[in-house]
Amino acid sequence: MNGLLDGVGYFFRGFGWVVRHPRWWFFGLIPGLIAMVLYIVALVLLGMHASSIAEWMTPFADDWGIRDAFRVFVGVVLFVGGLALAVLTFTAVALAIGEPFYEKLSEKVEGDLGGLPEGVDLPFWRSFLRSIRDSLITLGYVLLFTIPLFILGFVPVIGQTVIPVIGAIVSGFFLTVELTALAMERRGLRRKERFAILRANKGTTVGFGLIGFLIFLVPFAAVVAMPGAVAGAAMMVRLGLKLPARPRSSTGGLGGGRGL
């Protein structure tokens, strides 16, 4: 329970930091706004063409008496599915678009906490490509869990009680995976190491991600909340997670850890 509350606390500490540094908050809004515009355009186009897509997908229903009603249903399912996919992928897309923005924001937070840890410097293009790859792999894990949970959601009783709670916990965990990637990569931690660390700190990880997931469900809240979430993730990685000791670098400093 303490771990859950610690995770929630770090999320709101991140908000407190961006409130005290409004210039950085507005700076961090830019990639979220870009991602939001892209999603709105995509969803509008999907809504405009949902009926045509449904007709293309259901040639077998041409002779049905309820053809039109069935295709309207398929179109609605397509749009709802697109909306759900947008919710699941928004953070990954915003982080990919905003890699240089959020990297600077995360560095500033750690700088205020005592200085940046000595880590591994990668060229921007390599960091960007690795971020895209890791986000796609994480999305694969998310779908691996959420698709079965979506199906189980139709089971009476547990589908309306237990499954939504499990779904929120799973989504929260993977949201934390995405948000902590910047601060952990700064310490030279690769994807498998990051997953292992977060699994070892389940309470804090789930607490941080769960409150973020619930806030991100509110329309447009994800855009406003992203800078604070990135700041909170940097704080949590530095102060709240048990990180493995990193070997000393050739300059004699630490190659990772919680920072100076």
C-alpha atoms as a PDB file:
ATOM      1  CA  MET A   1       0.000   0.000   0.000  1.00  0.00           C
ATOM      2  CA  ASN A   2       2.848   2.387   0.861  1.00  0.00           C
ATOM      3  CA  GLY A   3       4.362   1.780  -2.566  1.00  0.00           C
ATOM      4  CA  LEU A   4       1.086   2.666  -4.288  1.00  0.00           C
ATOM      5  CA  LEU A   5       0.827   5.916  -2.343  1.00  0.00           C
ATOM      6  CA  ASP A   6       4.478   6.715  -3.070  1.00  0.00           C
ATOM      7  CA  GLY A   7       3.815   6.317  -6.793  1.00  0.00           C
ATOM      8  CA  VAL A   8       0.766   8.584  -6.633  1.00  0.00           C
ATOM      9  CA  GLY A   9       2.826  11.084  -4.661  1.00  0.00           C
ATOM     10  CA  TYR A  10       5.569  11.238  -7.292  1.00  0.00           C
ATOM     11  CA  PHE A  11       2.978  11.869  -9.998  1.00  0.00           C
ATOM     12  CA  PHE A  12       1.630  14.902  -8.147  1.00  0.00           C
ATOM     13  CA  ARG A  13       5.128  16.071  -7.183  1.00  0.00           C
ATOM     14  CA  GLY A  14       5.789  16.273 -10.915  1.00  0.00           C
ATOM     15  CA  PHE A  15       2.737  18.489 -11.270  1.00  0.00           C
ATOM     16  CA  GLY A  16       3.988  20.653  -8.447  1.00  0.00           C
ATOM     17  CA  TRP A  17       7.314  21.069 -10.242  1.00  0.00           C
ATOM     18  CA  VAL A  18       5.781  22.215 -13.540  1.00  0.00           C
ATOM     19  CA  VAL A  19       3.423  24.574 -11.690  1.00  0.00           C
ATOM     20  CA  ARG A  20       6.506  26.213 -10.143  1.00  0.00           C
ATOM     21  CA  HIS A  21       8.181  26.293 -13.584  1.00  0.00           C
ATOM     22  CA  PRO A  22       5.378  27.375 -15.956  1.00  0.00           C
ATOM     23  CA  ARG A  23       7.788  28.051 -18.833  1.00  0.00           C
ATOM     24  CA  TRP A  24       8.780  24.395 -18.824  1.00  0.00           C
ATOM     25  CA  TRP A  25       5.129  23.345 -18.555  1.00  0.00           C
ATOM     26  CA  PHE A  26       4.248  25.278 -21.712  1.00  0.00           C
ATOM     27  CA  PHE A  27       7.392  23.936 -23.392  1.00  0.00           C
ATOM     28  CA  GLY A  28       6.261  20.392 -22.572  1.00  0.00           C
ATOM     29  CA  LEU A  29       2.771  21.017 -23.953  1.00  0.00           C
ATOM     30  CA  ILE A  30       4.037  21.370 -27.537  1.00  0.00           C
ATOM     31  CA  PRO A  31       4.443  17.659 -28.458  1.00  0.00           C
ATOM     32  CA  GLY A  32       1.183  16.739 -26.730  1.00  0.00           C
ATOM     33  CA  LEU A  33      -0.681  19.375 -28.732  1.00  0.00           C
ATOM     34  CA  ILE A  34       0.884  18.103 -31.964  1.00  0.00           C
ATOM     35  CA  ALA A  35      -0.109  14.519 -31.106  1.00  0.00           C
ATOM     36  CA  MET A  36      -3.628  15.629 -30.160  1.00  0.00           C
ATOM     37  CA  VAL A  37      -4.122  17.399 -33.506  1.00  0.00           C
ATOM     38  CA  LEU A  38      -2.917  14.293 -35.371  1.00  0.00           C
ATOM     39  CA  TYR A  39      -5.310  12.064 -33.429  1.00  0.00           C
ATOM     40  CA  ILE A  40      -8.256  14.426 -33.917  1.00  0.00           C
ATOM     41  CA  VAL A  41      -7.640  14.520 -37.680  1.00  0.00           C
ATOM     42  CA  ALA A  42      -7.315  10.715 -37.799  1.00  0.00           C
ATOM     43  CA  LEU A  43     -10.504  10.176 -35.774  1.00  0.00           C
ATOM     44  CA  VAL A  44     -12.471  12.693 -37.856  1.00  0.00           C
ATOM     45  CA  LEU A  45     -11.361  10.931 -41.050  1.00  0.00           C
ATOM     46  CA  LEU A  46     -12.262   7.565 -39.520  1.00  0.00           C
ATOM     47  CA  GLY A  47     -15.688   8.878 -38.546  1.00  0.00           C
ATOM     48  CA  MET A  48     -16.297  10.304 -42.028  1.00  0.00           C
ATOM     49  CA  HIS A  49     -15.353   7.059 -43.766  1.00  0.00           C
ATOM     50  CA  ALA A  50     -16.496   4.497 -41.184  1.00  0.00           C
ATOM     51  CA  SER A  51     -19.597   3.570 -43.190  1.00  0.00           C
ATOM     52  CA  SER A  52     -17.568   3.072 -46.383  1.00  0.00           C
ATOM     53  CA  ILE A  53     -15.002   0.956 -44.537  1.00  0.00           C
ATOM     54  CA  ALA A  54     -17.796  -1.085 -42.934  1.00  0.00           C
ATOM     55  CA  GLU A  55     -19.370  -1.685 -46.353  1.00  0.00           C
ATOM     56  CA  TRP A  56     -15.998  -2.763 -47.773  1.00  0.00           C
ATOM     57  CA  MET A  57     -15.448  -5.131 -44.834  1.00  0.00           C
ATOM     58  CA  THR A  58     -18.883  -6.803 -45.064  1.00  0.00           C
ATOM     59  CA  PRO A  59     -19.582  -7.839 -48.678  1.00  0.00           C
ATOM     60  CA  PHE A  60     -21.166 -10.998 -47.281  1.00  0.00           C
ATOM     61  CA  ALA A  61     -24.044  -8.876 -45.909  1.00  0.00           C
ATOM     62  CA  ASP A  62     -25.148  -7.472 -49.287  1.00  0.00           C
ATOM     63  CA  ASP A  63     -28.296  -9.617 -49.357  1.00  0.00           C
ATOM     64  CA  TRP A  64     -29.187  -9.315 -45.691  1.00  0.00           C
ATOM     65  CA  GLY A  65     -32.429  -7.601 -44.721  1.00  0.00           C
ATOM     66  CA  ILE A  66     -30.655  -5.907 -41.804  1.00  0.00           C
ATOM     67  CA  ARG A  67     -27.653  -4.985 -43.973  1.00  0.00           C
ATOM     68  CA  ASP A  68     -27.763  -1.242 -43.243  1.00  0.00           C
ATOM     69  CA  ALA A  69     -28.238  -1.646 -39.485  1.00  0.00           C
ATOM     70  CA  PHE A  70     -25.449  -4.224 -39.337  1.00  0.00           C
ATOM     71  CA  ARG A  71     -23.046  -1.952 -41.203  1.00  0.00           C
ATOM     72  CA  VAL A  72     -23.902   0.972 -38.952  1.00  0.00           C
ATOM     73  CA  PHE A  73     -23.024  -1.276 -36.002  1.00  0.00           C
ATOM     74  CA  VAL A  74     -19.721  -2.276 -37.636  1.00  0.00           C
ATOM     75  CA  GLY A  75     -18.939   1.394 -38.313  1.00  0.00           C
ATOM     76  CA  VAL A  76     -19.599   2.301 -34.675  1.00  0.00           C
ATOM     77  CA  VAL A  77     -17.374  -0.574 -33.500  1.00  0.00           C
ATOM     78  CA  LEU A  78     -14.613   0.635 -35.837  1.00  0.00           C
ATOM     79  CA  PHE A  79     -14.794   4.172 -34.471  1.00  0.00           C
ATOM     80  CA  VAL A  80     -14.898   3.037 -30.832  1.00  0.00           C
ATOM     81  CA  GLY A  81     -11.938   0.750 -31.542  1.00  0.00           C
ATOM     82  CA  GLY A  82     -10.048   3.667 -33.090  1.00  0.00           C
ATOM     83  CA  LEU A  83     -10.829   5.794 -30.045  1.00  0.00           C
ATOM     84  CA  ALA A  84      -9.603   3.056 -27.690  1.00  0.00           C
ATOM     85  CA  LEU A  85      -6.424   2.661 -29.753  1.00  0.00           C
ATOM     86  CA  ALA A  86      -5.879   6.424 -29.542  1.00  0.00           C
ATOM     87  CA  VAL A  87      -6.101   6.289 -25.734  1.00  0.00           C
ATOM     88  CA  LEU A  88      -3.685   3.343 -25.585  1.00  0.00           C
ATOM     89  CA  THR A  89      -1.115   4.836 -27.945  1.00  0.00           C
ATOM     90  CA  PHE A  90      -1.282   8.564 -27.136  1.00  0.00           C
ATOM     91  CA  THR A  91       1.540   8.506 -24.592  1.00  0.00           C
ATOM     92  CA  ALA A  92       3.858   6.502 -26.858  1.00  0.00           C
ATOM     93  CA  VAL A  93       3.189   8.784 -29.837  1.00  0.00           C
ATOM     94  CA  ALA A  94       3.534  11.974 -27.782  1.00  0.00           C
ATOM     95  CA  LEU A  95       6.826  10.728 -26.304  1.00  0.00           C
ATOM     96  CA  ALA A  96       8.121   9.793 -29.757  1.00  0.00           C
ATOM     97  CA  ILE A  97       7.177  13.195 -31.210  1.00  0.00           C
ATOM     98  CA  GLY A  98       8.409  15.041 -28.142  1.00  0.00           C
ATOM     99  CA  GLU A  99      11.646  13.137 -27.498  1.00  0.00           C
ATOM    100  CA  PRO A 100      13.843  16.297 -27.540  1.00  0.00           C
ATOM    101  CA  PHE A 101      11.234  18.325 -25.608  1.00  0.00           C
ATOM    102  CA  TYR A 102      10.675  15.792 -22.845  1.00  0.00           C
ATOM    103  CA  GLU A 103      14.376  14.941 -22.675  1.00  0.00           C
ATOM    104  CA  LYS A 104      15.179  18.579 -21.875  1.00  0.00           C
ATOM    105  CA  LEU A 105      12.321  18.760 -19.369  1.00  0.00           C
ATOM    106  CA  SER A 106      13.428  15.558 -17.646  1.00  0.00           C
ATOM    107  CA  GLU A 107      17.042  16.780 -17.530  1.00  0.00           C
ATOM    108  CA  LYS A 108      15.947  20.083 -15.997  1.00  0.00           C
ATOM    109  CA  VAL A 109      14.044  18.255 -13.248  1.00  0.00           C
ATOM    110  CA  GLU A 110      17.063  16.102 -12.401  1.00  0.00           C
ATOM    111  CA  GLY A 111      19.302  19.152 -12.542  1.00  0.00           C
ATOM    112  CA  ASP A 112      17.139  20.806  -9.896  1.00  0.00           C
ATOM    113  CA  LEU A 113      17.426  17.673  -7.763  1.00  0.00           C
ATOM    114  CA  GLY A 114      21.207  17.876  -7.623  1.00  0.00           C
ATOM    115  CA  GLY A 115      22.598  17.262 -11.092  1.00  0.00           C
ATOM    116  CA  LEU A 116      22.423  14.790 -13.948  1.00  0.00           C
ATOM    117  CA  PRO A 117      23.731  11.262 -13.482  1.00  0.00           C
ATOM    118  CA  GLU A 118      26.608  10.285 -15.695  1.00  0.00           C
ATOM    119  CA  GLY A 119      25.132   8.015 -18.316  1.00  0.00           C
ATOM    120  CA  VAL A 120      25.416   6.973 -21.932  1.00  0.00           C
ATOM    121  CA  ASP A 121      25.201   9.730 -24.541  1.00  0.00           C
ATOM    122  CA  LEU A 122      23.581   8.604 -27.790  1.00  0.00           C
ATOM    123  CA  PRO A 123      23.133  10.583 -31.009  1.00  0.00           C
ATOM    124  CA  PHE A 124      19.586  11.928 -31.309  1.00  0.00           C
ATOM    125  CA  TRP A 125      18.693   9.739 -34.291  1.00  0.00           C
ATOM    126  CA  ARG A 126      19.782   6.556 -32.486  1.00  0.00           C
ATOM    127  CA  SER A 127      17.891   7.563 -29.367  1.00  0.00           C
ATOM    128  CA  PHE A 128      14.809   8.393 -31.446  1.00  0.00           C
ATOM    129  CA  LEU A 129      14.859   5.097 -33.355  1.00  0.00           C
ATOM    130  CA  ARG A 130      15.360   3.126 -30.145  1.00  0.00           C
ATOM    131  CA  SER A 131      12.483   5.015 -28.543  1.00  0.00           C
ATOM    132  CA  ILE A 132      10.209   4.117 -31.477  1.00  0.00           C
ATOM    133  CA  ARG A 133      11.261   0.457 -31.312  1.00  0.00           C
ATOM    134  CA  ASP A 134      10.766   0.234 -27.553  1.00  0.00           C
ATOM    135  CA  SER A 135       7.372   1.959 -27.799  1.00  0.00           C
ATOM    136  CA  LEU A 136       6.216  -0.534 -30.433  1.00  0.00           C
ATOM    137  CA  ILE A 137       7.375  -3.454 -28.287  1.00  0.00           C
ATOM    138  CA  THR A 138       5.600  -1.979 -25.266  1.00  0.00           C
ATOM    139  CA  LEU A 139       2.447  -1.488 -27.346  1.00  0.00           C
ATOM    140  CA  GLY A 140       2.661  -5.162 -28.301  1.00  0.00           C
ATOM    141  CA  TYR A 141       2.724  -6.116 -24.618  1.00  0.00           C
ATOM    142  CA  VAL A 142      -0.212  -3.782 -23.928  1.00  0.00           C
ATOM    143  CA  LEU A 143      -2.307  -5.389 -26.680  1.00  0.00           C
ATOM    144  CA  LEU A 144      -1.297  -8.844 -25.449  1.00  0.00           C
ATOM    145  CA  PHE A 145      -3.012  -8.033 -22.153  1.00  0.00           C
ATOM    146  CA  THR A 146      -5.810  -5.662 -23.186  1.00  0.00           C
ATOM    147  CA  ILE A 147      -7.321  -7.757 -25.994  1.00  0.00           C
ATOM    148  CA  PRO A 148      -8.068 -10.741 -23.690  1.00  0.00           C
ATOM    149  CA  LEU A 149      -9.277  -8.322 -21.000  1.00  0.00           C
ATOM    150  CA  PHE A 150     -11.574  -6.644 -23.543  1.00  0.00           C
ATOM    151  CA  ILE A 151     -13.104 -10.036 -24.403  1.00  0.00           C
ATOM    152  CA  LEU A 152     -13.445 -10.951 -20.711  1.00  0.00           C
ATOM    153  CA  GLY A 153     -15.250  -7.645 -20.222  1.00  0.00           C
ATOM    154  CA  PHE A 154     -18.342  -9.232 -21.791  1.00  0.00           C
ATOM    155  CA  VAL A 155     -18.491 -11.940 -19.102  1.00  0.00           C
ATOM    156  CA  PRO A 156     -21.353 -11.178 -16.687  1.00  0.00           C
ATOM    157  CA  VAL A 157     -20.446  -9.794 -13.261  1.00  0.00           C
ATOM    158  CA  ILE A 158     -16.623 -10.005 -13.457  1.00  0.00           C
ATOM    159  CA  GLY A 159     -16.648  -8.152 -16.779  1.00  0.00           C
ATOM    160  CA  GLN A 160     -18.189  -5.127 -15.089  1.00  0.00           C
ATOM    161  CA  THR A 161     -16.297  -5.316 -11.785  1.00  0.00           C
ATOM    162  CA  VAL A 162     -12.992  -7.189 -11.693  1.00  0.00           C
ATOM    163  CA  ILE A 163     -11.854  -6.820 -15.311  1.00  0.00           C
ATOM    164  CA  PRO A 164     -11.957  -2.977 -15.437  1.00  0.00           C
ATOM    165  CA  VAL A 165      -9.787  -2.849 -12.307  1.00  0.00           C
ATOM    166  CA  ILE A 166      -7.270  -5.307 -13.761  1.00  0.00           C
ATOM    167  CA  GLY A 167      -7.297  -3.380 -17.041  1.00  0.00           C
ATOM    168  CA  ALA A 168      -6.570  -0.093 -15.262  1.00  0.00           C
ATOM    169  CA  ILE A 169      -3.685  -1.659 -13.307  1.00  0.00           C
ATOM    170  CA  VAL A 170      -2.154  -3.191 -16.448  1.00  0.00           C
ATOM    171  CA  SER A 171      -2.530   0.056 -18.401  1.00  0.00           C
ATOM    172  CA  GLY A 172      -1.040   2.005 -15.499  1.00  0.00           C
ATOM    173  CA  PHE A 173       1.992  -0.279 -15.335  1.00  0.00           C
ATOM    174  CA  PHE A 174       2.760   0.152 -19.027  1.00  0.00           C
ATOM    175  CA  LEU A 175       2.135   3.902 -18.839  1.00  0.00           C
ATOM    176  CA  THR A 176       4.889   4.038 -16.214  1.00  0.00           C
ATOM    177  CA  VAL A 177       7.120   1.971 -18.513  1.00  0.00           C
ATOM    178  CA  GLU A 178       6.754   4.662 -21.184  1.00  0.00           C
ATOM    179  CA  LEU A 179       7.127   7.670 -18.904  1.00  0.00           C
ATOM    180  CA  THR A 180      10.206   6.430 -17.027  1.00  0.00           C
ATOM    181  CA  ALA A 181      12.073   5.464 -20.198  1.00  0.00           C
ATOM    182  CA  LEU A 182      13.800   8.857 -20.562  1.00  0.00           C
ATOM    183  CA  ALA A 183      15.260   8.953 -17.050  1.00  0.00           C
ATOM    184  CA  MET A 184      16.268   5.291 -17.156  1.00  0.00           C
ATOM    185  CA  GLU A 185      17.892   5.531 -20.582  1.00  0.00           C
ATOM    186  CA  ARG A 186      19.892   8.453 -19.207  1.00  0.00           C
ATOM    187  CA  ARG A 187      21.383   5.937 -16.795  1.00  0.00           C
ATOM    188  CA  GLY A 188      22.274   3.521 -19.567  1.00  0.00           C
ATOM    189  CA  LEU A 189      19.454   1.099 -18.705  1.00  0.00           C
ATOM    190  CA  ARG A 190      18.076  -0.893 -21.636  1.00  0.00           C
ATOM    191  CA  ARG A 191      14.490  -2.016 -22.087  1.00  0.00           C
ATOM    192  CA  LYS A 192      14.837  -5.407 -20.354  1.00  0.00           C
ATOM    193  CA  GLU A 193      16.600  -3.809 -17.395  1.00  0.00           C
ATOM    194  CA  ARG A 194      13.898  -1.138 -17.152  1.00  0.00           C
ATOM    195  CA  PHE A 195      11.140  -3.755 -17.112  1.00  0.00           C
ATOM    196  CA  ALA A 196      12.962  -5.719 -14.402  1.00  0.00           C
ATOM    197  CA  ILE A 197      13.362  -2.614 -12.216  1.00  0.00           C
ATOM    198  CA  LEU A 198       9.702  -1.657 -12.541  1.00  0.00           C
ATOM    199  CA  ARG A 199       8.560  -5.202 -11.776  1.00  0.00           C
ATOM    200  CA  ALA A 200      10.751  -5.146  -8.662  1.00  0.00           C
ATOM    201  CA  ASN A 201       9.043  -1.891  -7.602  1.00  0.00           C
ATOM    202  CA  LYS A 202       5.474  -2.930  -8.475  1.00  0.00           C
ATOM    203  CA  GLY A 203       3.688  -0.841  -5.855  1.00  0.00           C
ATOM    204  CA  THR A 204       5.342   2.446  -6.788  1.00  0.00           C
ATOM    205  CA  THR A 205       5.130   1.632 -10.495  1.00  0.00           C
ATOM    206  CA  VAL A 206       1.415   0.812 -10.425  1.00  0.00           C
ATOM    207  CA  GLY A 207       0.552   3.731  -8.141  1.00  0.00           C
ATOM    208  CA  PHE A 208       2.267   6.216 -10.450  1.00  0.00           C
ATOM    209  CA  GLY A 209       0.807   4.759 -13.631  1.00  0.00           C
ATOM    210  CA  LEU A 210      -2.692   4.137 -12.293  1.00  0.00           C
ATOM    211  CA  ILE A 211      -3.309   7.751 -11.304  1.00  0.00           C
ATOM    212  CA  GLY A 212      -1.846   8.833 -14.639  1.00  0.00           C
ATOM    213  CA  PHE A 213      -4.075   6.412 -16.551  1.00  0.00           C
ATOM    214  CA  LEU A 214      -7.203   7.678 -14.782  1.00  0.00           C
ATOM    215  CA  ILE A 215      -6.289  11.316 -15.443  1.00  0.00           C
ATOM    216  CA  PHE A 216      -5.440  10.577 -19.079  1.00  0.00           C
ATOM    217  CA  LEU A 217      -8.953   9.151 -19.581  1.00  0.00           C
ATOM    218  CA  VAL A 218     -10.371  12.670 -19.186  1.00  0.00           C
ATOM    219  CA  PRO A 219     -10.651  14.307 -22.640  1.00  0.00           C
ATOM    220  CA  PHE A 220      -7.622  16.502 -23.395  1.00  0.00           C
ATOM    221  CA  ALA A 221      -6.234  15.931 -19.881  1.00  0.00           C
ATOM    222  CA  ALA A 222      -3.365  13.862 -21.291  1.00  0.00           C
ATOM    223  CA  VAL A 223      -2.048  16.893 -23.181  1.00  0.00           C
ATOM    224  CA  VAL A 224      -2.096  19.117 -20.091  1.00  0.00           C
ATOM    225  CA  ALA A 225      -0.800  16.394 -17.781  1.00  0.00           C
ATOM    226  CA  MET A 226       2.092  15.065 -19.887  1.00  0.00           C
ATOM    227  CA  PRO A 227       4.736  17.619 -18.753  1.00  0.00           C
ATOM    228  CA  GLY A 228       3.910  16.952 -15.097  1.00  0.00           C
ATOM    229  CA  ALA A 229       3.908  13.195 -15.704  1.00  0.00           C
ATOM    230  CA  VAL A 230       7.365  13.360 -17.312  1.00  0.00           C
ATOM    231  CA  ALA A 231       8.654  15.478 -14.416  1.00  0.00           C
ATOM    232  CA  GLY A 232       7.159  13.086 -11.866  1.00  0.00           C
ATOM    233  CA  ALA A 233       8.666  10.089 -13.652  1.00  0.00           C
ATOM    234  CA  ALA A 234      12.129  11.672 -13.491  1.00  0.00           C
ATOM    235  CA  MET A 235      11.683  12.249  -9.752  1.00  0.00           C
ATOM    236  CA  MET A 236      10.471   8.711  -9.173  1.00  0.00           C
ATOM    237  CA  VAL A 237      13.364   7.116 -11.060  1.00  0.00           C
ATOM    238  CA  ARG A 238      15.890   9.239  -9.185  1.00  0.00           C
ATOM    239  CA  LEU A 239      14.404   9.064  -5.698  1.00  0.00           C
ATOM    240  CA  GLY A 240      11.821   6.300  -5.500  1.00  0.00           C
ATOM    241  CA  LEU A 241      13.089   3.223  -7.342  1.00  0.00           C
ATOM    242  CA  LYS A 242      15.743   0.745  -6.289  1.00  0.00           C
ATOM    243  CA  LEU A 243      18.145   0.907  -9.210  1.00  0.00           C
ATOM    244  CA  PRO A 244      21.024  -1.518  -9.767  1.00  0.00           C
ATOM    245  CA  ALA A 245      24.519  -0.230  -9.086  1.00  0.00           C
ATOM    246  CA  ARG A 246      26.211   0.777 -12.330  1.00  0.00           C
ATOM    247  CA  PRO A 247      29.897   0.208 -13.025  1.00  0.00           C
ATOM    248  CA  ARG A 248      32.222   3.162 -12.771  1.00  0.00           C
ATOM    249  CA  SER A 249      33.042   4.913 -16.012  1.00  0.00           C
ATOM    250  CA  SER A 250      36.528   5.715 -17.252  1.00  0.00           C
ATOM    251  CA  THR A 251      36.233   9.228 -15.824  1.00  0.00           C
ATOM    252  CA  GLY A 252      35.677   7.835 -12.358  1.00  0.00           C
ATOM    253  CA  GLY A 253      32.042   8.871 -12.036  1.00  0.00           C
ATOM    254  CA  LEU A 254      29.085   6.640 -11.665  1.00  0.00           C
ATOM    255  CA  GLY A 255      27.582   5.261 -14.833  1.00  0.00           C
ATOM    256  CA  GLY A 256      24.060   5.311 -13.483  1.00  0.00           C
ATOM    257  CA  GLY A 257      22.230   5.020 -10.208  1.00  0.00           C
ATOM    258  CA  ARG A 258      19.998   7.651  -8.778  1.00  0.00           C
ATOM    259  CA  GLY A 259      22.037  10.643  -9.715  1.00  0.00           C
ATOM    260  CA  LEU A 260      24.265  12.933  -7.732  1.00  0.00           C
END
